[in-house]
N, C-alpha and C. Protein backbone atom coordinates (compact mmCIF):
# COMPACT_ATOMS: atom_id res chain seq x y z
N UNK A 1 9.78 4.26 14.83
CA UNK A 1 9.29 3.24 13.92
C UNK A 1 7.92 2.72 14.38
N UNK A 2 7.68 2.68 15.67
CA UNK A 2 6.40 2.20 16.18
C UNK A 2 5.24 3.10 15.79
N UNK A 3 5.48 4.41 15.83
CA UNK A 3 4.45 5.37 15.42
C UNK A 3 4.13 5.22 13.93
N UNK A 4 5.17 5.00 13.13
CA UNK A 4 4.96 4.80 11.70
C UNK A 4 4.12 3.56 11.44
N UNK A 5 4.41 2.49 12.15
CA UNK A 5 3.66 1.24 11.97
C UNK A 5 2.20 1.43 12.36
N UNK A 6 1.95 2.08 13.48
CA UNK A 6 0.57 2.33 13.90
C UNK A 6 -0.17 3.23 12.91
N UNK A 7 0.53 4.24 12.39
CA UNK A 7 -0.08 5.11 11.40
C UNK A 7 -0.40 4.34 10.14
N UNK A 8 0.51 3.50 9.70
CA UNK A 8 0.28 2.68 8.52
C UNK A 8 -0.92 1.75 8.71
N UNK A 9 -0.98 1.09 9.86
CA UNK A 9 -2.11 0.19 10.12
C UNK A 9 -3.43 0.96 10.17
N UNK A 10 -3.41 2.13 10.78
CA UNK A 10 -4.62 2.95 10.84
C UNK A 10 -5.08 3.38 9.47
N UNK A 11 -4.15 3.81 8.63
CA UNK A 11 -4.50 4.22 7.27
C UNK A 11 -4.99 3.04 6.44
N UNK A 12 -4.41 1.87 6.66
CA UNK A 12 -4.86 0.67 5.95
C UNK A 12 -6.30 0.33 6.33
N UNK A 13 -6.60 0.36 7.61
CA UNK A 13 -7.98 0.08 8.04
C UNK A 13 -8.94 1.14 7.53
N UNK A 14 -8.51 2.39 7.52
CA UNK A 14 -9.35 3.46 7.00
C UNK A 14 -9.66 3.25 5.52
N UNK A 15 -8.64 2.96 4.74
CA UNK A 15 -8.83 2.74 3.31
C UNK A 15 -9.73 1.54 3.06
N UNK A 16 -9.50 0.45 3.77
CA UNK A 16 -10.33 -0.74 3.61
C UNK A 16 -11.78 -0.44 3.98
N UNK A 17 -12.00 0.29 5.03
CA UNK A 17 -13.36 0.63 5.45
C UNK A 17 -14.06 1.53 4.45
N UNK A 18 -13.34 2.50 3.90
CA UNK A 18 -13.93 3.40 2.91
C UNK A 18 -14.32 2.63 1.65
N UNK A 19 -13.43 1.76 1.18
CA UNK A 19 -13.73 0.97 -0.02
C UNK A 19 -14.94 0.08 0.24
N UNK A 20 -15.01 -0.55 1.38
CA UNK A 20 -16.14 -1.42 1.71
C UNK A 20 -17.44 -0.61 1.81
N UNK A 21 -17.38 0.58 2.37
CA UNK A 21 -18.57 1.41 2.51
C UNK A 21 -19.06 1.94 1.16
N UNK A 22 -18.12 2.29 0.28
CA UNK A 22 -18.51 2.85 -1.01
C UNK A 22 -18.91 1.80 -2.04
N UNK A 23 -18.31 0.62 -1.97
CA UNK A 23 -18.55 -0.41 -2.99
C UNK A 23 -18.84 -1.77 -2.35
N UNK A 24 -19.93 -1.90 -1.58
CA UNK A 24 -20.19 -3.19 -0.91
C UNK A 24 -20.48 -4.31 -1.91
N UNK A 25 -21.18 -4.02 -2.99
CA UNK A 25 -21.47 -5.06 -3.98
C UNK A 25 -20.21 -5.53 -4.69
N UNK A 26 -19.35 -4.57 -5.03
CA UNK A 26 -18.09 -4.91 -5.68
C UNK A 26 -17.19 -5.73 -4.78
N UNK A 27 -17.18 -5.40 -3.49
CA UNK A 27 -16.37 -6.17 -2.55
C UNK A 27 -16.89 -7.60 -2.43
N UNK A 28 -18.21 -7.77 -2.42
CA UNK A 28 -18.78 -9.11 -2.33
C UNK A 28 -18.41 -9.92 -3.58
N UNK A 29 -18.48 -9.27 -4.76
CA UNK A 29 -18.11 -9.98 -5.99
C UNK A 29 -16.63 -10.35 -5.98
N UNK A 30 -15.79 -9.44 -5.50
CA UNK A 30 -14.36 -9.70 -5.45
C UNK A 30 -14.07 -10.87 -4.50
N UNK A 31 -14.73 -10.89 -3.35
CA UNK A 31 -14.52 -11.98 -2.40
C UNK A 31 -14.97 -13.32 -2.99
N UNK A 32 -16.06 -13.29 -3.77
CA UNK A 32 -16.52 -14.52 -4.43
C UNK A 32 -15.48 -14.99 -5.45
N UNK A 33 -14.88 -14.05 -6.16
CA UNK A 33 -13.83 -14.42 -7.11
C UNK A 33 -12.61 -14.99 -6.38
N UNK A 34 -12.24 -14.39 -5.25
CA UNK A 34 -11.13 -14.93 -4.46
C UNK A 34 -11.43 -16.33 -3.97
N UNK A 35 -12.68 -16.57 -3.58
CA UNK A 35 -13.09 -17.89 -3.11
C UNK A 35 -12.88 -18.95 -4.19
N UNK A 36 -13.09 -18.56 -5.45
CA UNK A 36 -12.97 -19.50 -6.56
C UNK A 36 -11.52 -19.75 -6.97
N UNK A 37 -10.60 -18.91 -6.51
CA UNK A 37 -9.20 -19.04 -6.92
C UNK A 37 -8.48 -20.09 -6.07
N UNK A 38 -7.46 -20.69 -6.68
CA UNK A 38 -6.63 -21.65 -5.95
C UNK A 38 -5.66 -20.89 -5.05
N UNK A 39 -5.05 -21.60 -4.12
CA UNK A 39 -4.08 -20.99 -3.21
C UNK A 39 -2.90 -20.42 -4.00
N UNK A 40 -2.47 -21.12 -5.02
CA UNK A 40 -1.33 -20.65 -5.83
C UNK A 40 -1.69 -19.35 -6.56
N UNK A 41 -2.89 -19.26 -7.10
CA UNK A 41 -3.32 -18.04 -7.78
C UNK A 41 -3.38 -16.87 -6.79
N UNK A 42 -3.87 -17.11 -5.59
CA UNK A 42 -3.93 -16.06 -4.57
C UNK A 42 -2.53 -15.59 -4.19
N UNK A 43 -1.58 -16.52 -4.11
CA UNK A 43 -0.20 -16.14 -3.80
C UNK A 43 0.37 -15.23 -4.88
N UNK A 44 0.12 -15.59 -6.14
CA UNK A 44 0.64 -14.78 -7.25
C UNK A 44 0.01 -13.39 -7.23
N UNK A 45 -1.28 -13.31 -7.00
CA UNK A 45 -1.96 -12.01 -6.94
C UNK A 45 -1.41 -11.19 -5.77
N UNK A 46 -1.27 -11.81 -4.61
CA UNK A 46 -0.73 -11.11 -3.43
C UNK A 46 0.68 -10.62 -3.64
N UNK A 47 1.54 -11.46 -4.22
CA UNK A 47 2.92 -11.04 -4.48
C UNK A 47 2.96 -9.94 -5.53
N UNK A 48 2.06 -10.00 -6.50
CA UNK A 48 2.00 -8.94 -7.52
C UNK A 48 1.64 -7.60 -6.91
N UNK A 49 0.60 -7.58 -6.06
CA UNK A 49 0.22 -6.34 -5.39
C UNK A 49 1.34 -5.84 -4.49
N UNK A 50 2.00 -6.74 -3.78
CA UNK A 50 3.10 -6.34 -2.89
C UNK A 50 4.25 -5.75 -3.70
N UNK A 51 4.57 -6.35 -4.84
CA UNK A 51 5.66 -5.85 -5.68
C UNK A 51 5.34 -4.47 -6.23
N UNK A 52 4.12 -4.28 -6.70
CA UNK A 52 3.72 -2.97 -7.23
C UNK A 52 3.78 -1.92 -6.13
N UNK A 53 3.30 -2.25 -4.94
CA UNK A 53 3.34 -1.30 -3.82
C UNK A 53 4.78 -0.97 -3.43
N UNK A 54 5.65 -1.97 -3.39
CA UNK A 54 7.05 -1.74 -3.02
C UNK A 54 7.74 -0.85 -4.04
N UNK A 55 7.54 -1.13 -5.32
CA UNK A 55 8.16 -0.30 -6.36
C UNK A 55 7.62 1.12 -6.28
N UNK A 56 6.32 1.27 -6.05
CA UNK A 56 5.74 2.60 -5.92
C UNK A 56 6.33 3.38 -4.76
N UNK A 57 6.48 2.73 -3.61
CA UNK A 57 7.08 3.40 -2.45
C UNK A 57 8.54 3.75 -2.70
N UNK A 58 9.26 2.86 -3.35
CA UNK A 58 10.67 3.13 -3.65
C UNK A 58 10.78 4.32 -4.59
N UNK A 59 9.96 4.33 -5.65
CA UNK A 59 10.00 5.46 -6.58
C UNK A 59 9.60 6.75 -5.90
N UNK A 60 8.57 6.70 -5.07
CA UNK A 60 8.13 7.89 -4.35
C UNK A 60 9.24 8.44 -3.46
N UNK A 61 9.90 7.56 -2.72
CA UNK A 61 10.94 8.02 -1.81
C UNK A 61 12.20 8.44 -2.57
N UNK A 62 12.42 7.83 -3.71
CA UNK A 62 13.65 8.08 -4.47
C UNK A 62 13.58 9.38 -5.27
N UNK A 63 12.43 9.64 -5.88
CA UNK A 63 12.34 10.73 -6.83
C UNK A 63 11.48 11.89 -6.38
N UNK A 64 10.95 11.84 -5.17
CA UNK A 64 10.10 12.94 -4.74
C UNK A 64 10.91 14.11 -4.20
N UNK A 65 12.16 13.91 -3.91
CA UNK A 65 13.01 14.98 -3.40
C UNK A 65 12.61 15.36 -1.99
N UNK A 66 13.24 16.41 -1.48
CA UNK A 66 12.95 16.86 -0.11
C UNK A 66 11.58 17.47 0.01
N UNK A 67 11.08 18.03 -1.07
CA UNK A 67 9.78 18.69 -1.02
C UNK A 67 8.62 17.72 -1.24
N UNK A 68 8.90 16.53 -1.71
CA UNK A 68 7.84 15.57 -1.96
C UNK A 68 7.04 15.92 -3.20
N UNK A 69 6.00 15.19 -3.43
CA UNK A 69 5.16 15.42 -4.60
C UNK A 69 4.26 16.61 -4.32
N UNK A 70 4.22 17.54 -5.23
CA UNK A 70 3.35 18.70 -5.09
C UNK A 70 3.72 19.60 -3.91
N UNK A 71 4.99 19.58 -3.50
CA UNK A 71 5.43 20.43 -2.41
C UNK A 71 5.16 19.86 -1.03
N UNK A 72 4.60 18.65 -0.96
CA UNK A 72 4.33 18.04 0.35
C UNK A 72 5.55 17.22 0.76
N UNK A 73 6.04 17.42 1.95
CA UNK A 73 7.18 16.65 2.41
C UNK A 73 6.73 15.25 2.80
N UNK A 74 7.63 14.31 2.69
CA UNK A 74 7.33 12.93 3.04
C UNK A 74 7.04 12.87 4.54
N UNK A 75 6.01 12.13 4.92
CA UNK A 75 5.52 12.16 6.30
C UNK A 75 6.54 11.67 7.31
N UNK A 76 7.28 10.62 6.98
CA UNK A 76 8.21 10.04 7.93
C UNK A 76 9.60 9.97 7.32
N UNK A 77 10.51 10.83 7.72
CA UNK A 77 11.83 10.86 7.11
C UNK A 77 12.59 9.55 7.22
N UNK A 78 12.42 8.82 8.33
CA UNK A 78 13.13 7.55 8.47
C UNK A 78 12.64 6.53 7.44
N UNK A 79 11.34 6.53 7.18
CA UNK A 79 10.79 5.62 6.18
C UNK A 79 11.30 6.00 4.80
N UNK A 80 11.31 7.30 4.51
CA UNK A 80 11.81 7.76 3.22
C UNK A 80 13.28 7.35 3.06
N UNK A 81 14.06 7.53 4.10
CA UNK A 81 15.48 7.16 4.03
C UNK A 81 15.65 5.66 3.83
N UNK A 82 14.80 4.86 4.49
CA UNK A 82 14.87 3.40 4.33
C UNK A 82 14.61 3.00 2.89
N UNK A 83 13.51 3.49 2.30
CA UNK A 83 13.18 3.11 0.94
C UNK A 83 14.17 3.69 -0.06
N UNK A 84 14.67 4.90 0.18
CA UNK A 84 15.67 5.48 -0.71
C UNK A 84 16.96 4.68 -0.65
N UNK A 85 17.27 4.09 0.49
CA UNK A 85 18.49 3.30 0.65
C UNK A 85 18.43 1.95 -0.04
N UNK A 86 17.26 1.53 -0.49
CA UNK A 86 17.16 0.24 -1.15
C UNK A 86 17.84 0.24 -2.51
N UNK A 87 17.98 1.42 -3.10
CA UNK A 87 18.66 1.51 -4.41
C UNK A 87 19.83 2.44 -4.35
């Protein structure tokens, strides 16, 4: 589980860095919009993104089968089993 967590954190930082490098102006505009939002609005947006990500992971683990999407196996079988066990 520790390796999975480190891999997840590494991929998150990689994705964030790529988005920032490719769209610096867009990121600045987005941060300005976040600055203008209330704490309650930020909570709703954060929970919305978390819910969409959770449903996506559950569907991926549930319906991708042993071969995964496009013949690629799921990277971490324990993670797949965890999300598949949620339903």
